[in-house]
Amino acid sequence: MNSKEFIGEYHKLDYVEAQAYAIKKRRRNDSTPQIYKFKFKLRVAKVLTYCSYILFFYL
């Protein structure tokens, strides 16, 4: 989507506001803390599955 389409879509805002909105949106999309949270959740899930395997095989 090029900038003219973007301005057309958000024609209620003026050009500067539209650009600021785009930058904010982009910044919200590449939120790295969410990725770290997801990786942490994955690690926790792996540990839990390993623990459950150990319990299952040794009991």
PDB file of N, CA and C in Angstrom:
ATOM      1  N   MET A   1       0.841  -1.189   0.000  1.00  0.00           N
ATOM      2  CA  MET A   1       0.000   0.000   0.000  1.00  0.00           C
ATOM      3  C   MET A   1       0.883   1.248   0.000  1.00  0.00           C
ATOM      4  N   ASN A   2       0.760   2.058  -1.042  1.00  0.00           N
ATOM      5  CA  ASN A   2       1.601   3.253  -1.103  1.00  0.00           C
ATOM      6  C   ASN A   2       0.988   4.387  -0.291  1.00  0.00           C
ATOM      7  N   SER A   3       1.720   5.500  -0.217  1.00  0.00           N
ATOM      8  CA  SER A   3       1.318   6.574   0.700  1.00  0.00           C
ATOM      9  C   SER A   3       0.025   7.244   0.243  1.00  0.00           C
ATOM     10  N   LYS A   4      -0.202   7.344  -1.080  1.00  0.00           N
ATOM     11  CA  LYS A   4      -1.431   7.988  -1.554  1.00  0.00           C
ATOM     12  C   LYS A   4      -2.653   7.179  -1.157  1.00  0.00           C
ATOM     13  N   GLU A   5      -2.572   5.859  -1.299  1.00  0.00           N
ATOM     14  CA  GLU A   5      -3.677   5.007  -0.858  1.00  0.00           C
ATOM     15  C   GLU A   5      -3.885   5.157   0.635  1.00  0.00           C
ATOM     16  N   PHE A   6      -2.789   5.213   1.374  1.00  0.00           N
ATOM     17  CA  PHE A   6      -2.869   5.355   2.831  1.00  0.00           C
ATOM     18  C   PHE A   6      -3.592   6.646   3.189  1.00  0.00           C
ATOM     19  N   ILE A   7      -3.224   7.741   2.486  1.00  0.00           N
ATOM     20  CA  ILE A   7      -3.864   9.029   2.761  1.00  0.00           C
ATOM     21  C   ILE A   7      -5.338   8.956   2.378  1.00  0.00           C
ATOM     22  N   GLY A   8      -5.636   8.264   1.258  1.00  0.00           N
ATOM     23  CA  GLY A   8      -7.024   8.119   0.858  1.00  0.00           C
ATOM     24  C   GLY A   8      -7.823   7.360   1.893  1.00  0.00           C
ATOM     25  N   GLU A   9      -7.206   6.342   2.460  1.00  0.00           N
ATOM     26  CA  GLU A   9      -7.893   5.518   3.447  1.00  0.00           C
ATOM     27  C   GLU A   9      -8.150   6.304   4.725  1.00  0.00           C
ATOM     28  N   TYR A  10      -7.202   7.138   5.100  1.00  0.00           N
ATOM     29  CA  TYR A  10      -7.337   7.933   6.323  1.00  0.00           C
ATOM     30  C   TYR A  10      -7.490   9.407   5.948  1.00  0.00           C
ATOM     31  N   HIS A  11      -8.458   9.687   5.047  1.00  0.00           N
ATOM     32  CA  HIS A  11      -8.579  11.049   4.532  1.00  0.00           C
ATOM     33  C   HIS A  11      -9.103  12.015   5.583  1.00  0.00           C
ATOM     34  N   LYS A  12      -9.641  11.501   6.694  1.00  0.00           N
ATOM     35  CA  LYS A  12     -10.105  12.401   7.756  1.00  0.00           C
ATOM     36  C   LYS A  12      -8.919  13.081   8.431  1.00  0.00           C
ATOM     37  N   LEU A  13      -7.819  12.343   8.542  1.00  0.00           N
ATOM     38  CA  LEU A  13      -6.600  12.941   9.087  1.00  0.00           C
ATOM     39  C   LEU A  13      -5.900  13.717   7.986  1.00  0.00           C
ATOM     40  N   ASP A  14      -5.136  14.711   8.369  1.00  0.00           N
ATOM     41  CA  ASP A  14      -4.317  15.355   7.345  1.00  0.00           C
ATOM     42  C   ASP A  14      -3.015  14.572   7.169  1.00  0.00           C
ATOM     43  N   TYR A  15      -2.191  15.008   6.222  1.00  0.00           N
ATOM     44  CA  TYR A  15      -1.036  14.214   5.790  1.00  0.00           C
ATOM     45  C   TYR A  15      -0.070  13.925   6.935  1.00  0.00           C
ATOM     46  N   VAL A  16       0.248  14.932   7.735  1.00  0.00           N
ATOM     47  CA  VAL A  16       1.224  14.753   8.814  1.00  0.00           C
ATOM     48  C   VAL A  16       0.691  13.771   9.843  1.00  0.00           C
ATOM     49  N   GLU A  17      -0.581  13.936  10.200  1.00  0.00           N
ATOM     50  CA  GLU A  17      -1.182  13.024  11.172  1.00  0.00           C
ATOM     51  C   GLU A  17      -1.181  11.596  10.639  1.00  0.00           C
ATOM     52  N   ALA A  18      -1.451  11.451   9.350  1.00  0.00           N
ATOM     53  CA  ALA A  18      -1.466  10.118   8.748  1.00  0.00           C
ATOM     54  C   ALA A  18      -0.082   9.479   8.832  1.00  0.00           C
ATOM     55  N   GLN A  19       0.956  10.267   8.554  1.00  0.00           N
ATOM     56  CA  GLN A  19       2.312   9.714   8.642  1.00  0.00           C
ATOM     57  C   GLN A  19       2.662   9.331  10.075  1.00  0.00           C
ATOM     58  N   ALA A  20       2.278  10.192  11.020  1.00  0.00           N
ATOM     59  CA  ALA A  20       2.540   9.880  12.426  1.00  0.00           C
ATOM     60  C   ALA A  20       1.817   8.595  12.821  1.00  0.00           C
ATOM     61  N   TYR A  21       0.575   8.455  12.331  1.00  0.00           N
ATOM     62  CA  TYR A  21      -0.201   7.247  12.622  1.00  0.00           C
ATOM     63  C   TYR A  21       0.502   6.013  12.064  1.00  0.00           C
ATOM     64  N   ALA A  22       1.040   6.139  10.835  1.00  0.00           N
ATOM     65  CA  ALA A  22       1.728   5.004  10.208  1.00  0.00           C
ATOM     66  C   ALA A  22       2.959   4.612  11.018  1.00  0.00           C
ATOM     67  N   ILE A  23       3.720   5.611  11.463  1.00  0.00           N
ATOM     68  CA  ILE A  23       4.929   5.320  12.240  1.00  0.00           C
ATOM     69  C   ILE A  23       4.560   4.630  13.546  1.00  0.00           C
ATOM     70  N   LYS A  24       3.505   5.136  14.205  1.00  0.00           N
ATOM     71  CA  LYS A  24       3.060   4.521  15.461  1.00  0.00           C
ATOM     72  C   LYS A  24       2.654   3.075  15.232  1.00  0.00           C
ATOM     73  N   LYS A  25       1.899   2.854  14.134  1.00  0.00           N
ATOM     74  CA  LYS A  25       1.419   1.509  13.831  1.00  0.00           C
ATOM     75  C   LYS A  25       2.601   0.577  13.593  1.00  0.00           C
ATOM     76  N   ARG A  26       3.599   1.066  12.826  1.00  0.00           N
ATOM     77  CA  ARG A  26       4.770   0.249  12.528  1.00  0.00           C
ATOM     78  C   ARG A  26       5.508  -0.090  13.820  1.00  0.00           C
ATOM     79  N   ARG A  27       5.614   0.914  14.701  1.00  0.00           N
ATOM     80  CA  ARG A  27       6.326   0.694  15.952  1.00  0.00           C
ATOM     81  C   ARG A  27       5.593  -0.336  16.808  1.00  0.00           C
ATOM     82  N   ARG A  28       4.266  -0.298  16.770  1.00  0.00           N
ATOM     83  CA  ARG A  28       3.496  -1.245  17.563  1.00  0.00           C
ATOM     84  C   ARG A  28       3.652  -2.659  17.009  1.00  0.00           C
ATOM     85  N   ASN A  29       3.828  -2.772  15.689  1.00  0.00           N
ATOM     86  CA  ASN A  29       3.898  -4.107  15.085  1.00  0.00           C
ATOM     87  C   ASN A  29       5.191  -4.835  15.429  1.00  0.00           C
ATOM     88  N   ASP A  30       6.331  -4.132  15.422  1.00  0.00           N
ATOM     89  CA  ASP A  30       7.580  -4.828  15.736  1.00  0.00           C
ATOM     90  C   ASP A  30       7.906  -4.677  17.223  1.00  0.00           C
ATOM     91  N   SER A  31       6.976  -5.138  18.049  1.00  0.00           N
ATOM     92  CA  SER A  31       7.184  -5.062  19.496  1.00  0.00           C
ATOM     93  C   SER A  31       8.010  -6.270  19.918  1.00  0.00           C
ATOM     94  N   THR A  32       9.283  -6.037  20.230  1.00  0.00           N
ATOM     95  CA  THR A  32      10.179  -7.138  20.587  1.00  0.00           C
ATOM     96  C   THR A  32       9.851  -7.790  21.926  1.00  0.00           C
ATOM     97  N   PRO A  33       9.340  -7.061  22.933  1.00  0.00           N
ATOM     98  CA  PRO A  33       9.025  -7.750  24.195  1.00  0.00           C
ATOM     99  C   PRO A  33       8.072  -8.923  24.021  1.00  0.00           C
ATOM    100  N   GLN A  34       7.124  -8.794  23.081  1.00  0.00           N
ATOM    101  CA  GLN A  34       6.196  -9.902  22.844  1.00  0.00           C
ATOM    102  C   GLN A  34       6.942 -11.133  22.351  1.00  0.00           C
ATOM    103  N   ILE A  35       7.937 -10.918  21.478  1.00  0.00           N
ATOM    104  CA  ILE A  35       8.725 -12.045  20.970  1.00  0.00           C
ATOM    105  C   ILE A  35       9.461 -12.720  22.122  1.00  0.00           C
ATOM    106  N   TYR A  36      10.050 -11.894  23.012  1.00  0.00           N
ATOM    107  CA  TYR A  36      10.775 -12.471  24.148  1.00  0.00           C
ATOM    108  C   TYR A  36       9.832 -13.240  25.057  1.00  0.00           C
ATOM    109  N   LYS A  37       8.624 -12.673  25.276  1.00  0.00           N
ATOM    110  CA  LYS A  37       7.635 -13.377  26.098  1.00  0.00           C
ATOM    111  C   LYS A  37       7.297 -14.718  25.467  1.00  0.00           C
ATOM    112  N   PHE A  38       7.117 -14.710  24.121  1.00  0.00           N
ATOM    113  CA  PHE A  38       6.763 -15.939  23.418  1.00  0.00           C
ATOM    114  C   PHE A  38       7.873 -16.973  23.554  1.00  0.00           C
ATOM    115  N   LYS A  39       9.136 -16.532  23.389  1.00  0.00           N
ATOM    116  CA  LYS A  39      10.263 -17.464  23.526  1.00  0.00           C
ATOM    117  C   LYS A  39      10.325 -18.029  24.936  1.00  0.00           C
ATOM    118  N   PHE A  40      10.071 -17.156  25.933  1.00  0.00           N
ATOM    119  CA  PHE A  40      10.085 -17.613  27.322  1.00  0.00           C
ATOM    120  C   PHE A  40       9.001 -18.659  27.547  1.00  0.00           C
ATOM    121  N   LYS A  41       7.804 -18.394  26.982  1.00  0.00           N
ATOM    122  CA  LYS A  41       6.712 -19.365  27.114  1.00  0.00           C
ATOM    123  C   LYS A  41       7.083 -20.687  26.464  1.00  0.00           C
ATOM    124  N   LEU A  42       7.731 -20.614  25.302  1.00  0.00           N
ATOM    125  CA  LEU A  42       8.170 -21.840  24.629  1.00  0.00           C
ATOM    126  C   LEU A  42       9.140 -22.615  25.508  1.00  0.00           C
ATOM    127  N   ARG A  43      10.099 -21.894  26.101  1.00  0.00           N
ATOM    128  CA  ARG A  43      11.090 -22.556  26.949  1.00  0.00           C
ATOM    129  C   ARG A  43      10.406 -23.221  28.137  1.00  0.00           C
ATOM    130  N   VAL A  44       9.465 -22.511  28.764  1.00  0.00           N
ATOM    131  CA  VAL A  44       8.740 -23.068  29.907  1.00  0.00           C
ATOM    132  C   VAL A  44       7.976 -24.315  29.482  1.00  0.00           C
ATOM    133  N   ALA A  45       7.340 -24.247  28.308  1.00  0.00           N
ATOM    134  CA  ALA A  45       6.576 -25.398  27.827  1.00  0.00           C
ATOM    135  C   ALA A  45       7.496 -26.596  27.594  1.00  0.00           C
ATOM    136  N   LYS A  46       8.680 -26.340  27.006  1.00  0.00           N
ATOM    137  CA  LYS A  46       9.637 -27.432  26.782  1.00  0.00           C
ATOM    138  C   LYS A  46      10.033 -28.077  28.098  1.00  0.00           C
ATOM    139  N   VAL A  47      10.370 -27.242  29.086  1.00  0.00           N
ATOM    140  CA  VAL A  47      10.785 -27.775  30.387  1.00  0.00           C
ATOM    141  C   VAL A  47       9.663 -28.601  30.999  1.00  0.00           C
ATOM    142  N   LEU A  48       8.442 -28.093  30.919  1.00  0.00           N
ATOM    143  CA  LEU A  48       7.307 -28.825  31.492  1.00  0.00           C
ATOM    144  C   LEU A  48       7.105 -30.159  30.789  1.00  0.00           C
ATOM    145  N   THR A  49       7.252 -30.174  29.455  1.00  0.00           N
ATOM    146  CA  THR A  49       7.075 -31.439  28.742  1.00  0.00           C
ATOM    147  C   THR A  49       8.170 -32.430  29.121  1.00  0.00           C
ATOM    148  N   TYR A  50       9.422 -31.941  29.235  1.00  0.00           N
ATOM    149  CA  TYR A  50      10.502 -32.838  29.657  1.00  0.00           C
ATOM    150  C   TYR A  50      10.223 -33.416  31.033  1.00  0.00           C
ATOM    151  N   CYS A  51       9.787 -32.564  31.964  1.00  0.00           N
ATOM    152  CA  CYS A  51       9.478 -33.041  33.316  1.00  0.00           C
ATOM    153  C   CYS A  51       8.375 -34.086  33.280  1.00  0.00           C
ATOM    154  N   SER A  52       7.354 -33.840  32.463  1.00  0.00           N
ATOM    155  CA  SER A  52       6.250 -34.800  32.404  1.00  0.00           C
ATOM    156  C   SER A  52       6.718 -36.120  31.796  1.00  0.00           C
ATOM    157  N   TYR A  53       7.595 -36.058  30.767  1.00  0.00           N
ATOM    158  CA  TYR A  53       8.139 -37.295  30.195  1.00  0.00           C
ATOM    159  C   TYR A  53       8.900 -38.088  31.253  1.00  0.00           C
ATOM    160  N   ILE A  54       9.761 -37.390  32.001  1.00  0.00           N
ATOM    161  CA  ILE A  54      10.559 -38.066  33.031  1.00  0.00           C
ATOM    162  C   ILE A  54       9.646 -38.722  34.056  1.00  0.00           C
ATOM    163  N   LEU A  55       8.643 -37.976  34.518  1.00  0.00           N
ATOM    164  CA  LEU A  55       7.705 -38.532  35.501  1.00  0.00           C
ATOM    165  C   LEU A  55       6.975 -39.733  34.921  1.00  0.00           C
ATOM    166  N   PHE A  56       6.565 -39.619  33.645  1.00  0.00           N
ATOM    167  CA  PHE A  56       5.783 -40.688  33.020  1.00  0.00           C
ATOM    168  C   PHE A  56       6.615 -41.961  32.881  1.00  0.00           C
ATOM    169  N   PHE A  57       7.891 -41.808  32.487  1.00  0.00           N
ATOM    170  CA  PHE A  57       8.700 -43.000  32.230  1.00  0.00           C
ATOM    171  C   PHE A  57       9.263 -43.624  33.499  1.00  0.00           C
ATOM    172  N   TYR A  58       9.429 -42.839  34.558  1.00  0.00           N
ATOM    173  CA  TYR A  58      10.041 -43.385  35.773  1.00  0.00           C
ATOM    174  C   TYR A  58       9.033 -43.740  36.850  1.00  0.00           C
ATOM    175  N   LEU A  59       7.744 -43.547  36.577  1.00  0.00           N
ATOM    176  CA  LEU A  59       6.738 -43.941  37.575  1.00  0.00           C
ATOM    177  C   LEU A  59       5.929 -45.128  37.075  1.00  0.00           C
TER     178      LEU A  59
END
